[in-house]
Amino acid sequence: MWEEKFGTVVKKLRCRKIGGFKVSDLFTNPATFREICERRAIDFAYQGMKIEVDGQCGVIEGGNNSGNIDVSFEGEYYAERMKEVNADLYHLLNENETGLYNQEFQKNKTVYAYVHLNFSDLADFAEAVGTYPFEEGGMKVTMFERTIDIDLNDIIEGQGHSLSSYKKCFDEDTWDRYKEQIEEMELDY
């Protein structure tokens, strides 16, 4: 095919539209973003704003459940980040409380990730992760009166992804506290 002339190749191509795209697809929930801006006293910030952080230029995408601003830096684009994650799960985690913890790290080399959900969000969670985690005995959860904590490691690893691909779904300070352990854990994969 590469030896053929462009005019010949074009005649053989078939294209079809597989879905619409809106610029808003690149950004997180505007209401959440505004709340974060108000809390952090940065009312001047807006989604799509070009900024510089530590000498790197980027664009504000929005905010996450940890109260941080999400920024895409030059050379990094949304689709590039999403290929290493389940996009539906990524968005669900950004809209809910998440956390990290470990138990006897020196012994089992695992940092556990979890999401804290209202029961009303369980259908969205099930849709985001698919049926795999619920097969063969279900999954381990911690239930509270009106909410539930779900461990994410088996789900993320079961989809062929790494925890570090979901870094922006967790509070920056919490991530930094476990960063070295996560890197060590992922070396063993």
C-alpha atoms as a PDB file:
ATOM      1  CA  MET A   1       0.000   0.000   0.000  1.00  0.00           C
ATOM      2  CA  TRP A   2       2.857   2.417   0.769  1.00  0.00           C
ATOM      3  CA  GLU A   3       4.171   2.169  -2.761  1.00  0.00           C
ATOM      4  CA  GLU A   4       0.817   3.266  -4.183  1.00  0.00           C
ATOM      5  CA  LYS A   5       0.097   6.870  -5.087  1.00  0.00           C
ATOM      6  CA  PHE A   6      -1.895   8.939  -2.618  1.00  0.00           C
ATOM      7  CA  GLY A   7      -4.820   9.327  -5.043  1.00  0.00           C
ATOM      8  CA  THR A   8      -5.131   5.533  -5.265  1.00  0.00           C
ATOM      9  CA  VAL A   9      -4.957   5.071  -1.486  1.00  0.00           C
ATOM     10  CA  VAL A  10      -7.623   7.731  -0.814  1.00  0.00           C
ATOM     11  CA  LYS A  11     -10.095   5.888  -3.013  1.00  0.00           C
ATOM     12  CA  LYS A  12      -9.721   2.802  -0.817  1.00  0.00           C
ATOM     13  CA  LEU A  13     -10.294   4.595   2.505  1.00  0.00           C
ATOM     14  CA  ARG A  14     -13.643   4.387   4.275  1.00  0.00           C
ATOM     15  CA  CYS A  15     -14.520   6.709   7.152  1.00  0.00           C
ATOM     16  CA  ARG A  16     -17.466   6.869   9.496  1.00  0.00           C
ATOM     17  CA  LYS A  17     -18.358   9.004  12.454  1.00  0.00           C
ATOM     18  CA  ILE A  18     -18.360   6.947  15.640  1.00  0.00           C
ATOM     19  CA  GLY A  19     -19.390   9.645  18.096  1.00  0.00           C
ATOM     20  CA  GLY A  20     -19.748  13.326  18.675  1.00  0.00           C
ATOM     21  CA  PHE A  21     -17.251  15.493  20.451  1.00  0.00           C
ATOM     22  CA  LYS A  22     -17.719  18.707  22.399  1.00  0.00           C
ATOM     23  CA  VAL A  23     -15.008  20.919  23.836  1.00  0.00           C
ATOM     24  CA  SER A  24     -16.705  20.443  27.230  1.00  0.00           C
ATOM     25  CA  ASP A  25     -15.695  16.745  27.071  1.00  0.00           C
ATOM     26  CA  LEU A  26     -12.164  17.905  27.883  1.00  0.00           C
ATOM     27  CA  PHE A  27     -13.155  19.461  31.201  1.00  0.00           C
ATOM     28  CA  THR A  28     -14.499  18.241  34.539  1.00  0.00           C
ATOM     29  CA  ASN A  29     -17.754  19.298  36.186  1.00  0.00           C
ATOM     30  CA  PRO A  30     -17.934  23.147  36.153  1.00  0.00           C
ATOM     31  CA  ALA A  31     -19.844  23.332  39.469  1.00  0.00           C
ATOM     32  CA  THR A  32     -17.159  21.287  41.261  1.00  0.00           C
ATOM     33  CA  PHE A  33     -14.461  23.468  39.731  1.00  0.00           C
ATOM     34  CA  ARG A  34     -16.157  26.698  40.901  1.00  0.00           C
ATOM     35  CA  GLU A  35     -16.494  25.328  44.454  1.00  0.00           C
ATOM     36  CA  ILE A  36     -12.779  24.516  44.543  1.00  0.00           C
ATOM     37  CA  CYS A  37     -11.884  27.972  43.229  1.00  0.00           C
ATOM     38  CA  GLU A  38     -14.010  29.602  45.932  1.00  0.00           C
ATOM     39  CA  ARG A  39     -12.493  27.442  48.696  1.00  0.00           C
ATOM     40  CA  ARG A  40      -8.954  28.152  47.525  1.00  0.00           C
ATOM     41  CA  ALA A  41      -9.639  31.876  46.935  1.00  0.00           C
ATOM     42  CA  ILE A  42      -8.710  31.686  43.246  1.00  0.00           C
ATOM     43  CA  ASP A  43     -11.942  33.080  41.810  1.00  0.00           C
ATOM     44  CA  PHE A  44     -10.007  34.447  38.809  1.00  0.00           C
ATOM     45  CA  ALA A  45      -9.249  30.915  37.531  1.00  0.00           C
ATOM     46  CA  TYR A  46     -11.393  29.325  34.822  1.00  0.00           C
ATOM     47  CA  GLN A  47     -11.464  26.054  32.920  1.00  0.00           C
ATOM     48  CA  GLY A  48      -9.359  26.352  29.795  1.00  0.00           C
ATOM     49  CA  MET A  49      -7.112  28.998  31.367  1.00  0.00           C
ATOM     50  CA  LYS A  50      -3.464  28.770  30.303  1.00  0.00           C
ATOM     51  CA  ILE A  51      -1.141  28.691  33.312  1.00  0.00           C
ATOM     52  CA  GLU A  52       2.443  27.940  34.270  1.00  0.00           C
ATOM     53  CA  VAL A  53       3.371  25.573  37.121  1.00  0.00           C
ATOM     54  CA  ASP A  54       7.019  25.062  38.043  1.00  0.00           C
ATOM     55  CA  GLY A  55       8.054  26.332  34.621  1.00  0.00           C
ATOM     56  CA  GLN A  56       5.695  24.010  32.723  1.00  0.00           C
ATOM     57  CA  CYS A  57       2.893  25.508  30.632  1.00  0.00           C
ATOM     58  CA  GLY A  58      -0.515  23.900  30.845  1.00  0.00           C
ATOM     59  CA  VAL A  59      -4.280  24.352  30.678  1.00  0.00           C
ATOM     60  CA  ILE A  60      -6.705  24.067  33.604  1.00  0.00           C
ATOM     61  CA  GLU A  61      -9.113  21.153  32.976  1.00  0.00           C
ATOM     62  CA  GLY A  62     -11.088  21.473  36.191  1.00  0.00           C
ATOM     63  CA  GLY A  63     -10.959  20.201  39.731  1.00  0.00           C
ATOM     64  CA  ASN A  64     -11.127  16.868  41.499  1.00  0.00           C
ATOM     65  CA  ASN A  65     -12.726  15.462  44.649  1.00  0.00           C
ATOM     66  CA  SER A  66      -9.560  16.167  46.602  1.00  0.00           C
ATOM     67  CA  GLY A  67     -10.003  19.912  46.140  1.00  0.00           C
ATOM     68  CA  ASN A  68      -7.115  20.212  43.688  1.00  0.00           C
ATOM     69  CA  ILE A  69      -7.011  21.827  40.269  1.00  0.00           C
ATOM     70  CA  ASP A  70      -6.413  19.427  37.358  1.00  0.00           C
ATOM     71  CA  VAL A  71      -3.977  20.706  34.723  1.00  0.00           C
ATOM     72  CA  SER A  72      -2.959  19.203  31.368  1.00  0.00           C
ATOM     73  CA  PHE A  73       0.598  20.180  30.607  1.00  0.00           C
ATOM     74  CA  GLU A  74       1.983  20.849  27.123  1.00  0.00           C
ATOM     75  CA  GLY A  75       2.811  17.635  25.354  1.00  0.00           C
ATOM     76  CA  GLU A  76       0.197  15.743  27.375  1.00  0.00           C
ATOM     77  CA  TYR A  77      -3.350  15.497  26.167  1.00  0.00           C
ATOM     78  CA  TYR A  78      -6.517  13.979  27.538  1.00  0.00           C
ATOM     79  CA  ALA A  79      -6.705  10.982  25.207  1.00  0.00           C
ATOM     80  CA  GLU A  80      -3.073  10.164  25.957  1.00  0.00           C
ATOM     81  CA  ARG A  81      -3.797   9.962  29.693  1.00  0.00           C
ATOM     82  CA  MET A  82      -7.052   8.060  29.185  1.00  0.00           C
ATOM     83  CA  LYS A  83      -5.472   5.190  27.237  1.00  0.00           C
ATOM     84  CA  GLU A  84      -3.852   3.930  30.443  1.00  0.00           C
ATOM     85  CA  VAL A  85      -7.042   4.075  32.514  1.00  0.00           C
ATOM     86  CA  ASN A  86     -10.687   3.141  32.402  1.00  0.00           C
ATOM     87  CA  ALA A  87     -12.049   6.606  31.532  1.00  0.00           C
ATOM     88  CA  ASP A  88     -15.422   5.942  33.199  1.00  0.00           C
ATOM     89  CA  LEU A  89     -13.755   4.808  36.425  1.00  0.00           C
ATOM     90  CA  TYR A  90     -11.309   7.732  36.262  1.00  0.00           C
ATOM     91  CA  HIS A  91     -14.171  10.239  36.102  1.00  0.00           C
ATOM     92  CA  LEU A  92     -16.119   8.453  38.848  1.00  0.00           C
ATOM     93  CA  LEU A  93     -13.078   8.532  41.142  1.00  0.00           C
ATOM     94  CA  ASN A  94     -12.584  12.245  40.479  1.00  0.00           C
ATOM     95  CA  GLU A  95     -16.179  12.908  41.537  1.00  0.00           C
ATOM     96  CA  ASN A  96     -15.936  10.943  44.813  1.00  0.00           C
ATOM     97  CA  GLU A  97     -13.734  10.710  47.895  1.00  0.00           C
ATOM     98  CA  THR A  98     -10.704   8.490  47.366  1.00  0.00           C
ATOM     99  CA  GLY A  99      -7.820   7.425  49.574  1.00  0.00           C
ATOM    100  CA  LEU A 100      -4.722   5.291  49.961  1.00  0.00           C
ATOM    101  CA  TYR A 101      -3.479   3.121  52.825  1.00  0.00           C
ATOM    102  CA  ASN A 102      -1.138   0.221  53.505  1.00  0.00           C
ATOM    103  CA  GLN A 103      -0.860  -2.638  55.959  1.00  0.00           C
ATOM    104  CA  GLU A 104       2.537  -4.101  56.748  1.00  0.00           C
ATOM    105  CA  PHE A 105       4.045  -2.729  53.522  1.00  0.00           C
ATOM    106  CA  GLN A 106       7.443  -4.325  54.154  1.00  0.00           C
ATOM    107  CA  LYS A 107       5.730  -7.719  54.236  1.00  0.00           C
ATOM    108  CA  ASN A 108       3.244  -7.525  51.333  1.00  0.00           C
ATOM    109  CA  LYS A 109       4.484  -4.542  49.230  1.00  0.00           C
ATOM    110  CA  THR A 110       0.964  -3.200  48.605  1.00  0.00           C
ATOM    111  CA  VAL A 111      -0.541   0.264  48.808  1.00  0.00           C
ATOM    112  CA  TYR A 112      -4.309  -0.058  48.701  1.00  0.00           C
ATOM    113  CA  ALA A 113      -6.560   2.431  46.946  1.00  0.00           C
ATOM    114  CA  TYR A 114     -10.235   2.896  47.755  1.00  0.00           C
ATOM    115  CA  VAL A 115     -13.232   4.967  46.756  1.00  0.00           C
ATOM    116  CA  HIS A 116     -15.911   6.086  49.208  1.00  0.00           C
ATOM    117  CA  LEU A 117     -19.355   6.014  47.539  1.00  0.00           C
ATOM    118  CA  ASN A 118     -22.918   6.764  48.484  1.00  0.00           C
ATOM    119  CA  PHE A 119     -25.192   3.776  47.915  1.00  0.00           C
ATOM    120  CA  SER A 120     -26.962   5.822  45.236  1.00  0.00           C
ATOM    121  CA  ASP A 121     -23.691   5.862  43.224  1.00  0.00           C
ATOM    122  CA  LEU A 122     -23.270   2.072  43.140  1.00  0.00           C
ATOM    123  CA  ALA A 123     -25.068   1.679  39.803  1.00  0.00           C
ATOM    124  CA  ASP A 124     -22.679   4.202  38.212  1.00  0.00           C
ATOM    125  CA  PHE A 125     -19.738   2.345  39.757  1.00  0.00           C
ATOM    126  CA  ALA A 126     -20.954  -1.013  38.419  1.00  0.00           C
ATOM    127  CA  GLU A 127     -21.407   0.505  34.969  1.00  0.00           C
ATOM    128  CA  ALA A 128     -17.908   2.018  35.061  1.00  0.00           C
ATOM    129  CA  VAL A 129     -16.071  -1.181  36.068  1.00  0.00           C
ATOM    130  CA  GLY A 130     -18.187  -3.763  34.240  1.00  0.00           C
ATOM    131  CA  THR A 131     -19.192  -7.192  35.538  1.00  0.00           C
ATOM    132  CA  TYR A 132     -15.711  -8.684  36.015  1.00  0.00           C
ATOM    133  CA  PRO A 133     -15.195  -7.548  39.657  1.00  0.00           C
ATOM    134  CA  PHE A 134     -18.552  -9.029  40.692  1.00  0.00           C
ATOM    135  CA  GLU A 135     -17.897 -12.489  39.290  1.00  0.00           C
ATOM    136  CA  GLU A 136     -16.521 -15.418  41.295  1.00  0.00           C
ATOM    137  CA  GLY A 137     -17.627 -14.354  44.763  1.00  0.00           C
ATOM    138  CA  GLY A 138     -17.894 -10.587  44.433  1.00  0.00           C
ATOM    139  CA  MET A 139     -15.568  -8.122  46.103  1.00  0.00           C
ATOM    140  CA  LYS A 140     -14.532  -7.037  49.575  1.00  0.00           C
ATOM    141  CA  VAL A 141     -16.086  -3.750  50.749  1.00  0.00           C
ATOM    142  CA  THR A 142     -16.510  -1.818  53.975  1.00  0.00           C
ATOM    143  CA  MET A 143     -20.098  -0.729  54.557  1.00  0.00           C
ATOM    144  CA  PHE A 144     -21.254   2.202  56.626  1.00  0.00           C
ATOM    145  CA  GLU A 145     -24.784   3.376  57.385  1.00  0.00           C
ATOM    146  CA  ARG A 146     -25.245   5.308  54.108  1.00  0.00           C
ATOM    147  CA  THR A 147     -21.973   4.786  52.257  1.00  0.00           C
ATOM    148  CA  ILE A 148     -19.542   2.106  51.177  1.00  0.00           C
ATOM    149  CA  ASP A 149     -15.739   1.911  50.703  1.00  0.00           C
ATOM    150  CA  ILE A 150     -14.541  -0.221  47.811  1.00  0.00           C
ATOM    151  CA  ASP A 151     -10.927  -1.349  47.402  1.00  0.00           C
ATOM    152  CA  LEU A 152      -9.748  -0.571  43.872  1.00  0.00           C
ATOM    153  CA  ASN A 153      -6.496  -2.481  43.415  1.00  0.00           C
ATOM    154  CA  ASP A 154      -7.999  -5.693  42.014  1.00  0.00           C
ATOM    155  CA  ILE A 155     -10.277  -3.686  39.712  1.00  0.00           C
ATOM    156  CA  ILE A 156      -7.487  -1.481  38.353  1.00  0.00           C
ATOM    157  CA  GLU A 157      -5.030  -4.371  37.956  1.00  0.00           C
ATOM    158  CA  GLY A 158      -7.760  -6.630  36.511  1.00  0.00           C
ATOM    159  CA  GLN A 159      -8.222  -4.102  33.716  1.00  0.00           C
ATOM    160  CA  GLY A 160      -4.497  -4.166  32.962  1.00  0.00           C
ATOM    161  CA  HIS A 161      -3.787  -0.727  34.423  1.00  0.00           C
ATOM    162  CA  SER A 162      -1.502   0.513  37.171  1.00  0.00           C
ATOM    163  CA  LEU A 163      -2.456   2.521  40.220  1.00  0.00           C
ATOM    164  CA  SER A 164      -0.064   5.316  39.223  1.00  0.00           C
ATOM    165  CA  SER A 165      -2.140   5.931  36.080  1.00  0.00           C
ATOM    166  CA  TYR A 166      -4.913   7.121  38.430  1.00  0.00           C
ATOM    167  CA  LYS A 167      -2.603   9.477  40.365  1.00  0.00           C
ATOM    168  CA  LYS A 168      -4.747  12.567  39.699  1.00  0.00           C
ATOM    169  CA  CYS A 169      -7.757  10.872  41.308  1.00  0.00           C
ATOM    170  CA  PHE A 170      -6.152  11.121  44.754  1.00  0.00           C
ATOM    171  CA  ASP A 171      -5.258  13.991  47.040  1.00  0.00           C
ATOM    172  CA  GLU A 172      -1.786  15.249  46.131  1.00  0.00           C
ATOM    173  CA  ASP A 173      -0.478  15.134  49.723  1.00  0.00           C
ATOM    174  CA  THR A 174      -1.756  11.597  50.205  1.00  0.00           C
ATOM    175  CA  TRP A 175      -0.222  10.485  46.903  1.00  0.00           C
ATOM    176  CA  ASP A 176       3.129  12.031  47.838  1.00  0.00           C
ATOM    177  CA  ARG A 177       3.077  10.173  51.173  1.00  0.00           C
ATOM    178  CA  TYR A 178       2.778   6.806  49.364  1.00  0.00           C
ATOM    179  CA  LYS A 179       4.587   7.640  46.105  1.00  0.00           C
ATOM    180  CA  GLU A 180       7.802   5.704  46.795  1.00  0.00           C
ATOM    181  CA  GLN A 181       5.892   2.660  48.033  1.00  0.00           C
ATOM    182  CA  ILE A 182       3.628   2.726  44.942  1.00  0.00           C
ATOM    183  CA  GLU A 183       6.683   2.889  42.671  1.00  0.00           C
ATOM    184  CA  GLU A 184       8.259  -0.040  44.537  1.00  0.00           C
ATOM    185  CA  MET A 185       4.980  -1.984  44.386  1.00  0.00           C
ATOM    186  CA  GLU A 186       4.616  -1.422  40.640  1.00  0.00           C
ATOM    187  CA  LEU A 187       8.182  -2.588  39.968  1.00  0.00           C
ATOM    188  CA  ASP A 188       7.046  -6.032  41.106  1.00  0.00           C
ATOM    189  CA  TYR A 189       4.284  -6.189  38.440  1.00  0.00           C
END
